[in-house]
Protein backbone atom coordinates (compact mmCIF):
# COMPACT_ATOMS: atom_id res chain seq x y z
CA MET A 1 8.73 26.01 13.14
CA THR A 2 8.93 23.20 10.58
CA LEU A 3 12.29 22.95 8.83
CA LYS A 4 12.32 22.70 5.05
CA PHE A 5 14.30 20.00 3.25
CA ALA A 6 15.01 19.71 -0.47
CA PRO A 7 14.11 16.50 -2.35
CA ASN A 8 16.95 13.99 -2.31
CA LYS A 9 16.68 10.80 -4.36
CA TYR A 10 19.51 9.19 -2.41
CA VAL A 11 17.48 9.31 0.82
CA TYR A 12 14.72 7.26 -0.82
CA ARG A 13 17.22 4.82 -2.29
CA SER A 14 18.93 4.43 1.09
CA ILE A 15 15.60 3.58 2.73
CA VAL A 16 14.70 1.05 0.04
CA LEU A 17 18.12 -0.58 0.11
CA THR A 18 17.91 -0.82 3.91
CA GLY A 19 14.62 -2.67 3.48
CA VAL A 20 16.16 -4.97 0.88
CA ALA A 21 19.04 -5.73 3.25
CA ALA A 22 16.61 -6.46 6.11
CA ILE A 23 14.59 -8.84 3.95
CA LYS A 24 17.76 -10.71 3.05
CA ALA A 25 19.08 -10.68 6.63
CA PHE A 26 15.88 -12.19 8.02
CA ARG A 27 15.68 -14.62 5.08
CA VAL A 28 12.15 -13.54 4.21
CA PRO A 29 10.96 -15.32 1.04
CA VAL A 30 9.19 -12.70 -1.11
CA LEU A 31 7.13 -14.62 -3.65
CA PRO A 32 5.51 -12.42 -6.31
CA THR A 33 3.26 -13.29 -9.22
CA GLY A 34 1.68 -11.11 -11.87
CA LEU A 35 4.90 -9.23 -12.60
CA GLU A 36 3.93 -9.18 -16.26
CA ASN A 37 1.22 -6.70 -15.24
CA LEU A 38 3.76 -4.06 -14.26
CA PRO A 39 4.59 -1.53 -16.99
CA ALA A 40 7.11 -2.83 -19.51
CA ASP A 41 8.05 0.54 -21.02
CA GLU A 42 11.85 0.77 -20.84
CA GLU A 43 11.59 4.54 -20.59
CA ILE A 44 10.45 4.32 -16.98
CA HIS A 45 13.04 1.77 -15.87
CA GLY A 46 16.45 2.26 -14.28
CA LEU A 47 18.03 4.28 -11.49
CA ASN A 48 17.82 7.45 -13.56
CA ARG A 49 14.19 7.00 -14.59
CA LYS A 50 12.71 10.09 -16.14
CA VAL A 51 9.37 11.31 -14.84
CA VAL A 52 7.36 11.62 -18.05
CA PRO A 53 3.80 12.96 -18.33
CA GLY A 54 1.43 10.10 -19.14
CA LYS A 55 3.75 7.48 -17.63
CA GLY A 56 2.54 7.69 -14.02
CA ALA A 57 0.25 5.35 -12.09
CA VAL A 58 -1.66 4.87 -8.85
CA VAL A 59 -0.33 1.81 -7.01
CA ALA A 60 -3.20 0.50 -4.84
CA ILE A 61 -1.86 -1.69 -2.02
CA THR A 62 -3.79 -3.88 0.43
CA HIS A 63 -3.36 -3.14 4.11
CA PHE A 64 -3.46 -6.13 6.46
CA GLY A 65 -0.27 -5.29 8.34
CA TYR A 66 1.96 -2.31 9.03
CA LEU A 67 4.76 -3.60 6.78
CA ASP A 68 2.72 -4.24 3.64
CA PHE A 69 3.90 -1.00 2.04
CA VAL A 70 7.52 -2.10 2.59
CA PHE A 71 7.04 -5.22 0.49
CA ALA A 72 5.10 -3.36 -2.21
CA GLU A 73 7.87 -0.78 -2.36
CA TYR A 74 10.48 -3.55 -2.49
CA LEU A 75 8.70 -5.26 -5.37
CA VAL A 76 8.17 -2.17 -7.52
CA TRP A 77 11.70 -0.92 -6.90
CA LYS A 78 13.29 -4.28 -7.66
CA LYS A 79 11.29 -4.75 -10.85
CA ILE A 80 11.28 -1.29 -12.44
CA LYS A 81 13.29 0.96 -10.07
CA VAL A 82 10.38 3.36 -9.61
CA HIS A 83 10.55 5.90 -6.79
CA MET A 84 6.99 5.74 -5.42
CA ARG A 85 5.49 8.72 -3.62
CA PHE A 86 3.41 7.71 -0.61
CA LEU A 87 0.40 9.41 0.92
CA VAL A 88 1.28 9.91 4.59
CA THR A 89 -1.18 11.16 7.22
CA LYS A 90 -0.50 14.45 8.96
CA LYS A 91 -0.63 12.59 12.27
CA ALA A 92 2.15 10.21 11.19
CA ALA A 93 4.24 13.09 9.83
CA ARG A 94 4.05 15.29 12.91
CA LYS A 95 7.35 13.91 14.19
CA ALA A 96 10.25 16.01 12.92
CA PHE A 97 12.22 13.04 11.58
CA VAL A 98 9.26 11.57 9.66
CA ASN A 99 8.37 14.98 8.29
CA ALA A 100 11.95 15.50 7.08
CA VAL A 101 11.98 12.10 5.37
CA CYS A 102 8.63 12.85 3.70
CA GLN A 103 9.99 16.11 2.32
CA MET A 104 13.20 14.58 1.01
CA CYS A 105 11.35 11.63 -0.54
CA GLU A 106 8.60 13.93 -1.88
CA HIS A 107 5.84 12.00 -0.18
CA ILE A 108 2.49 13.75 0.14
CA ILE A 109 1.16 14.60 3.60
CA VAL A 110 -2.60 14.28 4.00
CA ASP A 111 -4.72 16.17 6.51
CA ARG A 112 -7.68 13.85 7.03
CA SER A 113 -9.87 16.71 8.23
CA ASP A 114 -9.26 18.59 4.96
CA GLY A 115 -7.74 16.51 2.20
CA ALA A 116 -8.38 18.88 -0.74
CA ALA A 117 -4.83 20.22 -0.90
CA ALA A 118 -3.25 16.74 -0.76
CA TYR A 119 -5.68 15.49 -3.41
CA ALA A 120 -4.78 18.32 -5.79
CA GLU A 121 -1.07 17.74 -5.15
CA SER A 122 -1.52 14.02 -5.84
CA VAL A 123 -3.30 14.56 -9.15
CA GLU A 124 -0.62 17.03 -10.22
CA ALA A 125 2.12 14.51 -9.34
CA LEU A 126 0.37 11.78 -11.31
CA ARG A 127 0.05 14.01 -14.34
CA ARG A 128 3.79 14.72 -14.16
CA GLY A 129 4.40 10.99 -14.42
CA GLU A 130 4.96 10.02 -10.79
CA TYR A 131 3.95 6.72 -9.22
CA LEU A 132 1.69 7.35 -6.23
CA ALA A 133 1.33 4.58 -3.63
CA VAL A 134 -2.08 4.47 -1.95
CA LEU A 135 -3.53 2.22 0.76
CA PRO A 136 -7.18 2.62 -0.27
CA GLU A 137 -8.57 0.71 2.73
CA ALA A 138 -7.46 3.71 4.83
CA GLY A 139 -6.66 1.48 7.79
CA VAL A 140 -5.50 -1.99 8.69
CA SER A 141 -7.97 -4.80 8.03
CA ARG A 142 -8.45 -6.89 11.17
CA SER A 143 -10.59 -9.49 9.40
CA PHE A 144 -7.79 -10.12 6.85
CA SER A 145 -10.20 -9.57 4.01
CA VAL A 146 -10.08 -6.41 1.91
CA ARG A 147 -12.11 -3.67 3.56
CA LYS A 148 -14.47 -1.30 1.78
CA LEU A 149 -12.22 1.14 -0.07
CA LYS A 150 -12.11 4.90 -0.05
CA THR A 151 -12.76 6.43 -3.47
CA GLY A 152 -9.59 8.56 -3.66
CA ALA A 153 -7.49 6.10 -5.68
CA VAL A 154 -10.13 5.80 -8.39
CA ARG A 155 -10.90 9.52 -8.49
CA MET A 156 -7.23 10.49 -8.77
CA ALA A 157 -6.53 7.95 -11.49
CA ALA A 158 -9.55 9.07 -13.52
CA GLU A 159 -8.76 12.77 -13.19
CA ALA A 160 -5.05 12.36 -13.97
CA GLY A 161 -5.66 9.89 -16.80
CA VAL A 162 -3.34 7.21 -15.38
CA PRO A 163 -3.85 3.49 -14.65
CA ILE A 164 -4.26 1.81 -11.28
CA ILE A 165 -1.85 -1.02 -10.46
CA PRO A 166 -3.49 -3.32 -7.83
CA VAL A 167 -1.00 -5.00 -5.48
CA SER A 168 -2.17 -7.62 -2.96
CA VAL A 169 0.19 -8.50 -0.10
CA TRP A 170 -0.28 -11.59 2.07
CA GLY A 171 1.98 -12.66 4.94
CA GLY A 172 3.34 -9.31 6.02
CA HIS A 173 0.62 -9.09 8.67
CA ARG A 174 2.16 -12.10 10.42
CA MET A 175 5.11 -9.84 11.27
CA LEU A 176 3.33 -6.75 12.55
CA THR A 177 -0.34 -5.83 12.68
CA ARG A 178 -3.10 -4.65 15.01
CA GLY A 179 -4.45 -6.64 17.92
CA GLY A 180 -1.27 -7.16 19.91
CA HIS A 181 0.70 -8.86 17.16
CA GLY A 182 3.95 -6.96 17.51
CA LEU A 183 7.25 -7.16 15.72
CA SER A 184 9.71 -9.82 16.91
CA LEU A 185 12.53 -11.92 15.54
CA LYS A 186 10.28 -14.97 15.60
CA SER A 187 7.49 -13.24 13.68
CA VAL A 188 9.85 -12.06 10.93
CA TRP A 189 12.42 -14.87 10.60
CA LYS A 190 11.81 -16.77 7.33
CA THR A 191 8.14 -15.75 7.24
CA PRO A 192 7.00 -15.96 3.60
CA VAL A 193 5.33 -12.98 1.94
CA ARG A 194 3.17 -13.68 -1.12
CA MET A 195 2.32 -10.85 -3.46
CA HIS A 196 0.21 -10.58 -6.59
CA VAL A 197 0.07 -7.77 -9.12
CA SER A 198 -3.29 -7.79 -10.91
CA PRO A 199 -3.79 -6.36 -14.42
CA MET A 200 -3.79 -2.58 -14.59
CA ILE A 201 -7.16 -0.85 -14.36
CA ARG A 202 -7.94 2.20 -16.44
CA VAL A 203 -10.81 4.38 -15.28
CA ALA A 204 -12.71 6.45 -17.82
CA PRO A 205 -13.27 10.11 -16.82
CA ASP A 206 -17.05 9.62 -16.89
CA ALA A 207 -17.08 6.23 -15.11
CA SER A 208 -19.00 5.66 -11.90
CA VAL A 209 -16.58 6.23 -9.03
CA THR A 210 -18.61 3.97 -6.76
CA ALA A 211 -18.73 1.11 -9.26
CA GLU A 212 -15.04 1.40 -10.12
CA THR A 213 -14.05 1.48 -6.45
CA GLU A 214 -16.08 -1.65 -5.78
CA ALA A 215 -14.41 -3.29 -8.78
CA LEU A 216 -10.98 -2.36 -7.42
CA GLN A 217 -11.89 -3.91 -4.06
CA LYS A 218 -12.90 -7.14 -5.79
CA THR A 219 -9.68 -7.16 -7.80
CA LEU A 220 -7.53 -6.70 -4.70
CA GLN A 221 -9.48 -9.45 -2.91
CA ALA A 222 -9.09 -11.81 -5.89
CA GLY A 223 -5.35 -11.14 -5.78
CA MET A 224 -5.36 -11.85 -2.07
CA ASP A 225 -7.27 -15.11 -2.56
CA HIS A 226 -4.66 -16.15 -5.11
CA CYS A 227 -1.91 -15.38 -2.59
CA ILE A 228 -3.62 -17.43 0.12
CA ASP A 229 -4.28 -20.35 -2.22
CA THR A 230 -0.61 -20.48 -3.21
CA TYR A 231 0.97 -19.63 0.14
CA PRO A 232 3.86 -22.01 0.91
CA GLU A 233 2.81 -22.70 4.51
CA THR A 234 -0.28 -24.54 5.70
CA PRO A 235 -1.78 -22.79 8.75
CA GLU A 236 -3.03 -24.64 11.78
CA PRO A 237 -6.83 -24.69 12.20
CA GLY A 238 -7.93 -21.45 13.83
CA ALA A 239 -4.64 -19.64 13.12
CA TRP A 240 -5.00 -16.01 14.18
CA TRP A 241 -3.55 -14.74 10.89
CA MET A 242 -6.14 -16.45 8.69
CA PRO A 243 -9.58 -15.02 7.85
CA VAL A 244 -12.57 -16.79 9.37
CA SER A 245 -13.78 -17.69 5.87
CA ARG A 246 -10.66 -19.87 5.60
CA GLY A 247 -11.06 -21.50 9.00
CA GLY A 248 -8.89 -18.94 10.75
CA GLY A 249 -9.23 -17.11 14.03
CA ALA A 250 -9.43 -13.51 12.75
CA MET A 251 -12.49 -11.46 13.57
CA THR A 252 -15.42 -11.54 11.19
CA VAL A 253 -16.11 -8.75 8.71
CA GLU A 254 -19.20 -7.83 10.76
CA GLU A 255 -17.14 -7.51 13.94
CA GLN A 256 -14.60 -5.41 12.11
CA VAL A 257 -17.27 -3.01 10.83
CA ILE A 258 -18.46 -2.44 14.40
CA LEU A 259 -14.94 -1.79 15.70
CA ASP A 260 -14.13 0.47 12.76
CA GLU A 261 -17.19 2.57 13.58
CA LYS A 262 -16.08 2.83 17.21
CA ASP A 263 -12.62 3.91 16.04
CA ARG A 264 -14.14 6.64 13.89
CA GLU A 265 -16.19 7.92 16.79
CA LYS A 266 -13.10 7.91 19.01
CA TYR A 267 -11.17 9.81 16.36
CA LYS A 268 -13.88 12.46 16.19
CA ILE A 269 -13.75 12.90 19.97
CA THR A 270 -9.99 12.97 20.41
CA GLY A 271 -9.12 14.65 17.11
């Protein structure tokens, strides 16, 4: 039996403040640009922000490493004190502790085999004025270029009548990502993280979902290119954490597509 927990804003704040403390403790330089593209409405700012219909947004975050959402959360919280709701897979939330945290933080649990209920809940939350954090690549990019996006972020934003805030995160993958690159003191200590917030995107209700999703992918990639161009460290030739298009040692996009397909087949077999 799954225990039920009431929403508790202090649980979310505790988690965020723990992340802030960790960033400071490990002396991680977080270097954002594009902050002027975050909402400037004072009504949504502050610890006691009111959730107001028409003031919500979809926050679309790139996904090169497992900690990217931490830095996006850190940035949005530090700038406008918004409590973002995250979409969390049912598989990730099957552990009792994670499930309890999701309930108290009012995150939305997604069943990948049947996402209709989570989609409807997400649209309702956006209409109420919530900020919904989405990783539209639906998996970690191993080529370190933005993967083809799922259409959910665009469809939800269009249906709820809210903007999309594109957030590109570069550097977090050096700390923890796929391919045997695990978390360690060396990988985290003073490792810079560059972030860029691109201008908000508003999707018309009758717009082409496919075209708008492709446009969002290009926007996130442009933000990522900006982060790479202005990153404070110069990588060695063939560095594993750089895309091959930049002389790095990451796999190619073509290789990634093949492995992604194998992963999907494996998921179908094992459930």
